[in-house]
């Protein structure tokens, strides 16, 4: 696995998604109100909606296209819909955000 720096905690707003490009990939970063940070594929499995533009509620993001509810923690789409989004391990070190690819 490759560890890659993708930004700083200071530049990541609470409860708002941020799109980060890593090579050909787009990741959606989320900083929850308790300070935890998660990274997931920036593409809803339904119609490819930009998850970084979705509404965050608790530990879920709602796709801006069709309101699918997706867990920020594990990438699982919530019932009655189904599917999954790839998630990435996040590490914080000296205020910098790193992901494992």
N, C-alpha and C. Protein backbone atom coordinates (compact mmCIF):
# COMPACT_ATOMS: atom_id res chain seq x y z
N UNK A 1 0.84 -1.20 0.00
CA UNK A 1 0.00 0.00 0.00
C UNK A 1 0.87 1.25 0.00
N UNK A 2 0.34 2.29 -0.61
CA UNK A 2 1.04 3.55 -0.69
C UNK A 2 0.37 4.56 0.22
N UNK A 3 1.17 5.26 1.01
CA UNK A 3 0.67 6.32 1.88
C UNK A 3 0.90 7.64 1.18
N UNK A 4 -0.17 8.46 1.08
CA UNK A 4 -0.07 9.70 0.33
C UNK A 4 -0.68 10.86 1.12
N UNK A 5 0.05 11.98 1.16
CA UNK A 5 -0.47 13.18 1.80
C UNK A 5 -1.46 13.84 0.84
N UNK A 6 -2.64 14.21 1.38
CA UNK A 6 -3.67 14.80 0.51
C UNK A 6 -4.19 16.14 1.01
N UNK A 7 -3.64 16.67 2.08
CA UNK A 7 -4.10 17.97 2.57
C UNK A 7 -3.85 18.12 4.05
N UNK A 8 -4.44 19.19 4.61
CA UNK A 8 -4.30 19.45 6.03
C UNK A 8 -5.68 19.50 6.69
N UNK A 9 -5.71 19.14 7.94
CA UNK A 9 -6.96 19.16 8.71
C UNK A 9 -7.53 20.57 8.72
N UNK A 10 -6.69 21.55 8.87
CA UNK A 10 -7.11 22.95 8.96
C UNK A 10 -7.90 23.40 7.73
N UNK A 11 -7.64 22.83 6.57
CA UNK A 11 -8.31 23.26 5.33
C UNK A 11 -9.56 22.44 5.01
N UNK A 12 -9.96 21.59 5.96
CA UNK A 12 -11.13 20.73 5.75
C UNK A 12 -12.24 21.16 6.71
N UNK A 13 -13.30 21.70 6.16
CA UNK A 13 -14.43 22.18 6.97
C UNK A 13 -15.21 21.02 7.55
N UNK A 14 -15.79 21.26 8.72
CA UNK A 14 -16.65 20.25 9.34
C UNK A 14 -17.93 20.06 8.56
N UNK A 15 -18.32 18.80 8.40
CA UNK A 15 -19.60 18.41 7.80
C UNK A 15 -19.81 18.89 6.37
N UNK A 16 -18.73 19.25 5.69
CA UNK A 16 -18.79 19.60 4.27
C UNK A 16 -17.79 18.71 3.54
N UNK A 17 -18.20 18.19 2.40
CA UNK A 17 -17.29 17.35 1.63
C UNK A 17 -16.29 18.17 0.86
N UNK A 18 -15.18 17.55 0.56
CA UNK A 18 -14.15 18.19 -0.28
C UNK A 18 -13.65 17.15 -1.27
N UNK A 19 -13.61 17.52 -2.54
CA UNK A 19 -13.11 16.64 -3.58
C UNK A 19 -11.59 16.81 -3.71
N UNK A 20 -10.89 15.69 -3.70
CA UNK A 20 -9.44 15.69 -3.85
C UNK A 20 -9.09 14.74 -4.98
N UNK A 21 -8.29 15.21 -5.93
CA UNK A 21 -7.85 14.35 -7.04
C UNK A 21 -6.52 13.72 -6.69
N UNK A 22 -6.45 12.40 -6.90
CA UNK A 22 -5.23 11.64 -6.68
C UNK A 22 -5.00 10.84 -7.97
N UNK A 23 -4.13 11.35 -8.82
CA UNK A 23 -3.93 10.72 -10.12
C UNK A 23 -5.23 10.79 -10.91
N UNK A 24 -5.74 9.64 -11.34
CA UNK A 24 -6.99 9.57 -12.09
C UNK A 24 -8.22 9.48 -11.18
N UNK A 25 -7.99 9.28 -9.89
CA UNK A 25 -9.10 9.09 -8.95
C UNK A 25 -9.56 10.41 -8.35
N UNK A 26 -10.85 10.43 -7.99
CA UNK A 26 -11.41 11.53 -7.21
C UNK A 26 -11.90 10.95 -5.90
N UNK A 27 -11.45 11.56 -4.80
CA UNK A 27 -11.87 11.15 -3.47
C UNK A 27 -12.74 12.23 -2.85
N UNK A 28 -13.67 11.81 -2.03
CA UNK A 28 -14.47 12.74 -1.23
C UNK A 28 -13.97 12.64 0.20
N UNK A 29 -13.53 13.77 0.75
CA UNK A 29 -13.08 13.81 2.14
C UNK A 29 -14.17 14.43 2.99
N UNK A 30 -14.37 13.87 4.18
CA UNK A 30 -15.36 14.40 5.11
C UNK A 30 -14.77 14.48 6.50
N UNK A 31 -14.97 15.62 7.15
CA UNK A 31 -14.57 15.81 8.54
C UNK A 31 -15.86 15.94 9.35
N UNK A 32 -16.09 14.95 10.21
CA UNK A 32 -17.30 14.95 11.01
C UNK A 32 -17.18 15.94 12.16
N UNK A 33 -18.29 16.24 12.81
CA UNK A 33 -18.29 17.24 13.88
C UNK A 33 -17.44 16.82 15.07
N UNK A 34 -17.17 15.52 15.23
CA UNK A 34 -16.30 15.06 16.33
C UNK A 34 -14.82 15.05 15.93
N UNK A 35 -14.51 15.52 14.71
CA UNK A 35 -13.11 15.63 14.27
C UNK A 35 -12.61 14.46 13.44
N UNK A 36 -13.34 13.34 13.42
CA UNK A 36 -12.89 12.20 12.61
C UNK A 36 -12.98 12.56 11.13
N UNK A 37 -12.01 12.04 10.36
CA UNK A 37 -11.94 12.31 8.93
C UNK A 37 -12.01 11.00 8.16
N UNK A 38 -12.81 11.01 7.10
CA UNK A 38 -12.99 9.82 6.27
C UNK A 38 -12.77 10.18 4.81
N UNK A 39 -12.31 9.19 4.04
CA UNK A 39 -12.11 9.36 2.60
C UNK A 39 -12.82 8.22 1.88
N UNK A 40 -13.56 8.57 0.83
CA UNK A 40 -14.20 7.54 0.03
C UNK A 40 -14.23 7.96 -1.42
N UNK A 41 -14.49 6.99 -2.25
CA UNK A 41 -14.61 7.24 -3.68
C UNK A 41 -15.67 8.32 -3.89
N UNK A 42 -15.39 9.28 -4.73
CA UNK A 42 -16.29 10.43 -4.94
C UNK A 42 -17.30 10.14 -6.04
N UNK A 43 -17.97 9.00 -5.93
CA UNK A 43 -18.91 8.61 -6.99
C UNK A 43 -19.98 7.70 -6.41
N UNK A 44 -21.20 8.15 -6.44
CA UNK A 44 -22.32 7.34 -5.98
C UNK A 44 -22.47 6.13 -6.90
N UNK A 45 -22.70 4.93 -6.35
CA UNK A 45 -22.84 3.74 -7.19
C UNK A 45 -24.14 3.73 -8.02
N UNK A 46 -25.06 4.60 -7.73
CA UNK A 46 -26.34 4.63 -8.44
C UNK A 46 -26.19 5.27 -9.81
N UNK A 47 -25.88 6.56 -9.85
CA UNK A 47 -25.78 7.29 -11.13
C UNK A 47 -24.51 8.14 -11.21
N UNK A 48 -23.54 7.86 -10.33
CA UNK A 48 -22.26 8.56 -10.40
C UNK A 48 -22.26 9.95 -9.80
N UNK A 49 -23.20 10.25 -8.91
CA UNK A 49 -23.26 11.57 -8.29
C UNK A 49 -22.00 11.92 -7.53
N UNK A 50 -21.67 13.19 -7.49
CA UNK A 50 -20.49 13.73 -6.81
C UNK A 50 -20.76 13.77 -5.31
N UNK A 51 -20.27 12.77 -4.57
CA UNK A 51 -20.57 12.67 -3.14
C UNK A 51 -20.01 13.82 -2.33
N UNK A 52 -18.93 14.44 -2.79
CA UNK A 52 -18.36 15.56 -2.03
C UNK A 52 -19.32 16.75 -2.00
N UNK A 53 -20.32 16.75 -2.88
CA UNK A 53 -21.33 17.82 -2.91
C UNK A 53 -22.59 17.44 -2.14
N UNK A 54 -22.59 16.25 -1.55
CA UNK A 54 -23.76 15.77 -0.83
C UNK A 54 -23.93 16.41 0.54
N UNK A 55 -25.08 16.19 1.13
CA UNK A 55 -25.39 16.70 2.47
C UNK A 55 -24.95 15.66 3.49
N UNK A 56 -24.20 16.11 4.51
CA UNK A 56 -23.71 15.23 5.56
C UNK A 56 -24.65 15.32 6.75
N UNK A 57 -25.04 14.15 7.26
CA UNK A 57 -25.87 14.07 8.46
C UNK A 57 -25.33 12.93 9.31
N UNK A 58 -24.79 13.26 10.45
CA UNK A 58 -24.18 12.24 11.29
C UNK A 58 -23.01 11.60 10.58
N UNK A 59 -23.07 10.28 10.43
CA UNK A 59 -22.01 9.53 9.75
C UNK A 59 -22.43 9.10 8.35
N UNK A 60 -23.33 9.88 7.74
CA UNK A 60 -23.83 9.55 6.41
C UNK A 60 -23.74 10.76 5.49
N UNK A 61 -23.60 10.48 4.19
CA UNK A 61 -23.68 11.51 3.17
C UNK A 61 -24.83 11.13 2.24
N UNK A 62 -25.60 12.12 1.84
CA UNK A 62 -26.72 11.91 0.93
C UNK A 62 -26.31 12.38 -0.46
N UNK A 63 -26.37 11.48 -1.42
CA UNK A 63 -25.99 11.81 -2.79
C UNK A 63 -26.83 12.99 -3.29
N UNK A 64 -26.19 13.99 -3.91
CA UNK A 64 -26.93 15.16 -4.36
C UNK A 64 -27.85 14.89 -5.56
N UNK A 65 -27.67 13.78 -6.25
CA UNK A 65 -28.52 13.50 -7.41
C UNK A 65 -29.86 12.87 -7.05
N UNK A 66 -29.81 11.80 -6.25
CA UNK A 66 -31.05 11.07 -5.97
C UNK A 66 -31.22 10.73 -4.49
N UNK A 67 -30.46 11.40 -3.63
CA UNK A 67 -30.63 11.30 -2.17
C UNK A 67 -30.32 9.92 -1.59
N UNK A 68 -29.47 9.12 -2.25
CA UNK A 68 -29.08 7.85 -1.67
C UNK A 68 -28.26 8.13 -0.41
N UNK A 69 -28.52 7.37 0.64
CA UNK A 69 -27.85 7.53 1.93
C UNK A 69 -26.69 6.54 2.01
N UNK A 70 -25.47 7.07 2.18
CA UNK A 70 -24.25 6.26 2.15
C UNK A 70 -23.46 6.49 3.42
N UNK A 71 -23.02 5.41 4.05
CA UNK A 71 -22.20 5.51 5.26
C UNK A 71 -20.83 6.06 4.89
N UNK A 72 -20.43 7.10 5.59
CA UNK A 72 -19.09 7.66 5.38
C UNK A 72 -18.03 6.72 5.96
N UNK A 73 -18.40 5.96 6.98
CA UNK A 73 -17.45 5.07 7.66
C UNK A 73 -17.07 3.85 6.82
N UNK A 74 -18.07 3.17 6.23
CA UNK A 74 -17.76 1.93 5.53
C UNK A 74 -18.17 1.91 4.05
N UNK A 75 -18.79 3.00 3.57
CA UNK A 75 -19.15 3.11 2.16
C UNK A 75 -20.41 2.37 1.75
N UNK A 76 -21.10 1.76 2.70
CA UNK A 76 -22.30 0.98 2.35
C UNK A 76 -23.51 1.87 2.15
N UNK A 77 -24.22 1.62 1.06
CA UNK A 77 -25.48 2.29 0.78
C UNK A 77 -26.54 1.72 1.72
N UNK A 78 -27.36 2.59 2.27
CA UNK A 78 -28.38 2.17 3.22
C UNK A 78 -29.66 1.75 2.53
N UNK A 79 -30.35 0.77 3.14
CA UNK A 79 -31.62 0.26 2.61
C UNK A 79 -32.65 1.38 2.56
N UNK A 80 -33.53 1.35 1.60
CA UNK A 80 -33.86 0.24 0.71
C UNK A 80 -32.96 0.15 -0.52
N UNK A 81 -32.06 1.11 -0.69
CA UNK A 81 -31.14 1.06 -1.83
C UNK A 81 -30.00 0.10 -1.49
N UNK A 82 -29.15 -0.20 -2.46
CA UNK A 82 -28.05 -1.12 -2.19
C UNK A 82 -26.85 -0.76 -3.07
N UNK A 83 -25.68 -1.14 -2.57
CA UNK A 83 -24.44 -0.86 -3.26
C UNK A 83 -23.37 -0.49 -2.26
N UNK A 84 -22.21 -0.11 -2.77
CA UNK A 84 -21.10 0.22 -1.89
C UNK A 84 -20.13 1.15 -2.63
N UNK A 85 -19.48 2.00 -1.87
CA UNK A 85 -18.47 2.91 -2.37
C UNK A 85 -17.15 2.53 -1.69
N UNK A 86 -16.07 2.55 -2.42
CA UNK A 86 -14.77 2.21 -1.86
C UNK A 86 -14.35 3.27 -0.84
N UNK A 87 -13.83 2.81 0.30
CA UNK A 87 -13.32 3.71 1.34
C UNK A 87 -11.81 3.56 1.44
N UNK A 88 -11.18 4.57 2.02
CA UNK A 88 -9.73 4.58 2.16
C UNK A 88 -9.36 4.92 3.60
N UNK A 89 -8.36 4.23 4.13
CA UNK A 89 -7.89 4.47 5.49
C UNK A 89 -7.24 5.86 5.55
N UNK A 90 -7.62 6.63 6.59
CA UNK A 90 -7.10 7.98 6.78
C UNK A 90 -6.24 8.00 8.04
N UNK A 91 -5.10 8.68 7.95
CA UNK A 91 -4.24 8.89 9.11
C UNK A 91 -3.95 10.39 9.21
N UNK A 92 -3.91 10.88 10.45
CA UNK A 92 -3.58 12.29 10.70
C UNK A 92 -2.26 12.32 11.44
N UNK A 93 -1.35 13.14 10.94
CA UNK A 93 -0.03 13.27 11.56
C UNK A 93 0.41 14.73 11.46
N UNK A 94 0.60 15.36 12.59
CA UNK A 94 1.02 16.76 12.64
C UNK A 94 0.12 17.67 11.80
N UNK A 95 -1.17 17.43 11.87
CA UNK A 95 -2.14 18.26 11.15
C UNK A 95 -2.27 17.95 9.67
N UNK A 96 -1.52 16.97 9.18
CA UNK A 96 -1.59 16.59 7.77
C UNK A 96 -2.46 15.33 7.63
N UNK A 97 -3.18 15.26 6.52
CA UNK A 97 -4.05 14.12 6.23
C UNK A 97 -3.35 13.21 5.23
N UNK A 98 -3.28 11.93 5.58
CA UNK A 98 -2.70 10.91 4.71
C UNK A 98 -3.74 9.83 4.45
N UNK A 99 -3.72 9.26 3.25
CA UNK A 99 -4.58 8.12 2.95
C UNK A 99 -3.72 6.96 2.51
N UNK A 100 -4.26 5.76 2.69
CA UNK A 100 -3.60 4.54 2.23
C UNK A 100 -4.27 4.11 0.92
N UNK A 101 -3.49 4.01 -0.13
CA UNK A 101 -4.01 3.55 -1.42
C UNK A 101 -3.61 2.11 -1.67
